[in-house]
Every structure is written in C-alpha cells, then in structure tokens.
Amino acid sequence: MLFETLVDRYLVGGVARMWMNCWKQRRPPPELGEGPRVGALNDYIDASLAELGRAIAGLPPAHKKEWADLDRLFLRMLERVA
C-alpha cells in the first residue's frame, strides 16, 4: 500500500496535509538535511502517543504465557518428521 494511501485513510484534514507536506520535504535527496520543526504535527503526535498510553494503561494485565507446553509440542512434531 502506498504511503499516501495510508495517510489519506487514517489521518484527517489538516493533519494529513501537514504530514504529507513534511514527508515530501524530508524525502531524499539526503543532502537537504533536517527541515524546520512542524509544531502542529509534533503536537498531534504527542497527543496521539499520550492517548495511546492512557488506552494501554486501561487494559487488563496480560497473562504470562507459558512456552514449555508449546516447546514440547514443537519438539514432538520435529521428532515425527525426522
């Protein structure tokens, strides 16, 4: 999938336009170096990361996965084909 398609599908309005402008400016050639900071885009990224952090914090704790049973099954399958 093209990057532009992802931006169009998952980012809305002004954020999508800012992101595309920033991305186009920072693409190769590499001799262009770093461009100016896009404050509104950085604010959007910071807010999105904070929102994801809150969403993750609200999830129930993950159960510890035991791999011993899976390891034994894998070894038995290897023995069968050997």
N, C-alpha and C. Protein backbone atom coordinates (compact mmCIF):
# COMPACT_ATOMS: atom_id res chain seq x y z
N MET A 1 0.85 -1.17 0.00
CA MET A 1 0.00 0.00 0.00
C MET A 1 0.89 1.24 0.00
N LEU A 2 0.55 2.21 -0.77
CA LEU A 2 1.33 3.43 -0.84
C LEU A 2 1.19 4.26 0.43
N PHE A 3 2.26 4.95 0.78
CA PHE A 3 2.25 5.78 1.98
C PHE A 3 1.14 6.82 1.91
N GLU A 4 0.96 7.43 0.74
CA GLU A 4 -0.08 8.45 0.60
C GLU A 4 -1.47 7.88 0.89
N THR A 5 -1.69 6.63 0.50
CA THR A 5 -2.98 5.98 0.75
C THR A 5 -3.21 5.81 2.25
N LEU A 6 -2.15 5.40 2.97
CA LEU A 6 -2.27 5.26 4.42
C LEU A 6 -2.60 6.59 5.08
N VAL A 7 -1.92 7.63 4.65
CA VAL A 7 -2.18 8.96 5.23
C VAL A 7 -3.61 9.38 4.95
N ASP A 8 -4.06 9.20 3.72
CA ASP A 8 -5.43 9.58 3.36
C ASP A 8 -6.46 8.79 4.16
N ARG A 9 -6.16 7.52 4.41
CA ARG A 9 -7.12 6.65 5.08
C ARG A 9 -7.18 6.88 6.58
N TYR A 10 -6.04 7.17 7.23
CA TYR A 10 -6.00 7.17 8.69
C TYR A 10 -5.79 8.53 9.33
N LEU A 11 -5.40 9.53 8.56
CA LEU A 11 -5.25 10.87 9.12
C LEU A 11 -6.31 11.77 8.51
N VAL A 12 -6.79 12.72 9.29
CA VAL A 12 -7.89 13.54 8.80
C VAL A 12 -7.46 14.98 8.59
N GLY A 13 -8.07 15.60 7.61
CA GLY A 13 -7.98 17.02 7.36
C GLY A 13 -6.60 17.62 7.37
N GLY A 14 -6.45 18.64 8.21
CA GLY A 14 -5.21 19.40 8.26
C GLY A 14 -4.01 18.58 8.67
N VAL A 15 -4.21 17.58 9.52
CA VAL A 15 -3.10 16.74 9.95
C VAL A 15 -2.54 15.98 8.76
N ALA A 16 -3.41 15.46 7.93
CA ALA A 16 -2.95 14.71 6.74
C ALA A 16 -2.15 15.62 5.82
N ARG A 17 -2.64 16.84 5.59
CA ARG A 17 -1.92 17.77 4.72
C ARG A 17 -0.57 18.15 5.31
N MET A 18 -0.53 18.43 6.63
CA MET A 18 0.75 18.77 7.27
C MET A 18 1.73 17.62 7.16
N TRP A 19 1.23 16.40 7.41
CA TRP A 19 2.10 15.23 7.36
C TRP A 19 2.67 15.03 5.96
N MET A 20 1.82 15.14 4.94
CA MET A 20 2.28 14.94 3.57
C MET A 20 3.29 16.02 3.19
N ASN A 21 3.04 17.27 3.56
CA ASN A 21 3.99 18.34 3.25
C ASN A 21 5.33 18.08 3.93
N CYS A 22 5.29 17.68 5.19
CA CYS A 22 6.51 17.39 5.94
C CYS A 22 7.24 16.21 5.31
N TRP A 23 6.51 15.16 4.96
CA TRP A 23 7.12 13.97 4.38
C TRP A 23 7.76 14.28 3.04
N LYS A 24 7.10 15.07 2.21
CA LYS A 24 7.65 15.41 0.90
C LYS A 24 8.91 16.26 1.05
N GLN A 25 8.94 17.15 2.03
CA GLN A 25 10.11 17.99 2.23
C GLN A 25 11.30 17.20 2.73
N ARG A 26 11.04 16.13 3.48
CA ARG A 26 12.13 15.40 4.13
C ARG A 26 12.55 14.15 3.38
N ARG A 27 11.97 13.89 2.25
CA ARG A 27 12.38 12.75 1.43
C ARG A 27 13.72 13.04 0.79
N PRO A 28 14.38 12.01 0.26
CA PRO A 28 15.66 12.24 -0.41
C PRO A 28 15.52 13.32 -1.47
N PRO A 29 16.52 14.02 -1.84
CA PRO A 29 17.92 13.71 -1.63
C PRO A 29 18.37 14.04 -0.21
N PRO A 30 19.27 13.20 0.32
CA PRO A 30 19.69 13.34 1.71
C PRO A 30 20.44 14.62 2.02
N GLU A 31 20.97 15.30 1.02
CA GLU A 31 21.74 16.50 1.31
C GLU A 31 20.87 17.66 1.79
N LEU A 32 19.55 17.49 1.77
CA LEU A 32 18.68 18.55 2.27
C LEU A 32 18.78 18.71 3.78
N GLY A 33 19.13 17.66 4.49
CA GLY A 33 19.26 17.74 5.94
C GLY A 33 17.91 17.85 6.62
N GLU A 34 17.93 18.32 7.84
CA GLU A 34 16.70 18.44 8.61
C GLU A 34 15.96 19.71 8.22
N GLY A 35 14.64 19.58 8.18
CA GLY A 35 13.80 20.74 7.89
C GLY A 35 13.33 21.38 9.18
N PRO A 36 12.59 22.45 9.07
CA PRO A 36 12.08 23.11 10.27
C PRO A 36 11.06 22.23 10.99
N ARG A 37 10.99 22.42 12.29
CA ARG A 37 10.04 21.68 13.12
C ARG A 37 8.63 22.13 12.75
N VAL A 38 7.72 21.17 12.61
CA VAL A 38 6.31 21.47 12.32
C VAL A 38 5.56 21.29 13.64
N GLY A 39 5.39 22.41 14.34
CA GLY A 39 4.83 22.38 15.68
C GLY A 39 3.48 21.68 15.77
N ALA A 40 2.57 21.98 14.85
CA ALA A 40 1.24 21.38 14.91
C ALA A 40 1.31 19.87 14.72
N LEU A 41 2.21 19.41 13.86
CA LEU A 41 2.36 17.97 13.64
C LEU A 41 2.96 17.30 14.87
N ASN A 42 3.96 17.93 15.48
CA ASN A 42 4.53 17.38 16.70
C ASN A 42 3.50 17.35 17.83
N ASP A 43 2.67 18.38 17.92
CA ASP A 43 1.62 18.40 18.94
C ASP A 43 0.63 17.26 18.73
N TYR A 44 0.28 17.01 17.45
CA TYR A 44 -0.62 15.91 17.13
C TYR A 44 -0.01 14.57 17.53
N ILE A 45 1.26 14.38 17.22
CA ILE A 45 1.94 13.12 17.56
C ILE A 45 2.01 12.95 19.07
N ASP A 46 2.38 14.01 19.79
CA ASP A 46 2.44 13.94 21.25
C ASP A 46 1.08 13.59 21.85
N ALA A 47 0.02 14.24 21.36
CA ALA A 47 -1.32 13.97 21.87
C ALA A 47 -1.75 12.54 21.56
N SER A 48 -1.42 12.05 20.36
CA SER A 48 -1.78 10.69 19.98
C SER A 48 -1.05 9.67 20.85
N LEU A 49 0.24 9.90 21.10
CA LEU A 49 1.00 8.99 21.96
C LEU A 49 0.46 8.99 23.38
N ALA A 50 0.08 10.16 23.87
CA ALA A 50 -0.49 10.24 25.22
C ALA A 50 -1.81 9.48 25.28
N GLU A 51 -2.64 9.63 24.24
CA GLU A 51 -3.92 8.92 24.18
C GLU A 51 -3.70 7.41 24.15
N LEU A 52 -2.73 6.96 23.35
CA LEU A 52 -2.43 5.53 23.31
C LEU A 52 -1.92 5.04 24.66
N GLY A 53 -1.10 5.84 25.32
CA GLY A 53 -0.60 5.47 26.65
C GLY A 53 -1.73 5.29 27.64
N ARG A 54 -2.72 6.20 27.60
CA ARG A 54 -3.88 6.07 28.51
C ARG A 54 -4.70 4.83 28.17
N ALA A 55 -4.86 4.56 26.87
CA ALA A 55 -5.64 3.38 26.46
C ALA A 55 -4.94 2.10 26.90
N ILE A 56 -3.63 2.06 26.77
CA ILE A 56 -2.88 0.88 27.18
C ILE A 56 -2.94 0.70 28.68
N ALA A 57 -2.84 1.80 29.42
CA ALA A 57 -2.88 1.72 30.88
C ALA A 57 -4.22 1.16 31.37
N GLY A 58 -5.29 1.37 30.60
CA GLY A 58 -6.61 0.89 30.99
C GLY A 58 -6.87 -0.56 30.64
N LEU A 59 -5.95 -1.21 29.95
CA LEU A 59 -6.14 -2.61 29.58
C LEU A 59 -5.86 -3.52 30.77
N PRO A 60 -6.53 -4.65 30.84
CA PRO A 60 -6.23 -5.60 31.92
C PRO A 60 -4.80 -6.12 31.77
N PRO A 61 -4.18 -6.49 32.89
CA PRO A 61 -2.81 -7.01 32.79
C PRO A 61 -2.76 -8.27 31.93
N ALA A 62 -1.71 -8.38 31.18
CA ALA A 62 -1.54 -9.55 30.31
C ALA A 62 -1.18 -10.76 31.16
N HIS A 63 -1.70 -11.89 30.78
CA HIS A 63 -1.34 -13.13 31.46
C HIS A 63 0.01 -13.60 30.96
N LYS A 64 0.80 -14.11 31.88
CA LYS A 64 2.11 -14.61 31.49
C LYS A 64 1.92 -15.87 30.65
N LYS A 65 2.56 -15.89 29.52
CA LYS A 65 2.47 -17.03 28.62
C LYS A 65 3.51 -18.07 29.03
N GLU A 66 3.05 -19.30 29.09
CA GLU A 66 3.96 -20.41 29.37
C GLU A 66 4.33 -21.06 28.04
N TRP A 67 5.59 -21.12 27.76
CA TRP A 67 6.06 -21.64 26.50
C TRP A 67 6.47 -23.11 26.58
N ALA A 68 6.55 -23.67 27.78
CA ALA A 68 7.03 -25.05 27.93
C ALA A 68 6.15 -26.03 27.14
N ASP A 69 4.83 -25.88 27.25
CA ASP A 69 3.93 -26.79 26.52
C ASP A 69 4.12 -26.65 25.01
N LEU A 70 4.25 -25.43 24.56
CA LEU A 70 4.45 -25.20 23.13
C LEU A 70 5.79 -25.75 22.67
N ASP A 71 6.82 -25.60 23.49
CA ASP A 71 8.14 -26.15 23.16
C ASP A 71 8.08 -27.67 23.02
N ARG A 72 7.39 -28.33 23.96
CA ARG A 72 7.28 -29.80 23.89
C ARG A 72 6.54 -30.23 22.64
N LEU A 73 5.45 -29.52 22.31
CA LEU A 73 4.70 -29.85 21.11
C LEU A 73 5.58 -29.68 19.87
N PHE A 74 6.32 -28.60 19.81
CA PHE A 74 7.21 -28.35 18.67
C PHE A 74 8.25 -29.46 18.55
N LEU A 75 8.85 -29.87 19.66
CA LEU A 75 9.85 -30.94 19.62
C LEU A 75 9.23 -32.27 19.18
N ARG A 76 8.02 -32.56 19.64
CA ARG A 76 7.34 -33.80 19.21
C ARG A 76 7.08 -33.76 17.71
N MET A 77 6.68 -32.61 17.19
CA MET A 77 6.43 -32.50 15.75
C MET A 77 7.72 -32.70 14.97
N LEU A 78 8.82 -32.18 15.47
CA LEU A 78 10.11 -32.38 14.81
C LEU A 78 10.50 -33.84 14.82
N GLU A 79 10.26 -34.54 15.93
CA GLU A 79 10.60 -35.95 16.03
C GLU A 79 9.81 -36.77 15.02
N ARG A 80 8.55 -36.40 14.79
CA ARG A 80 7.71 -37.14 13.87
C ARG A 80 8.21 -37.03 12.43
N VAL A 81 8.68 -35.86 12.06
CA VAL A 81 9.12 -35.70 10.67
C VAL A 81 10.56 -36.13 10.46
N ALA A 82 11.32 -36.34 11.53
CA ALA A 82 12.73 -36.72 11.41
C ALA A 82 12.87 -38.20 11.13
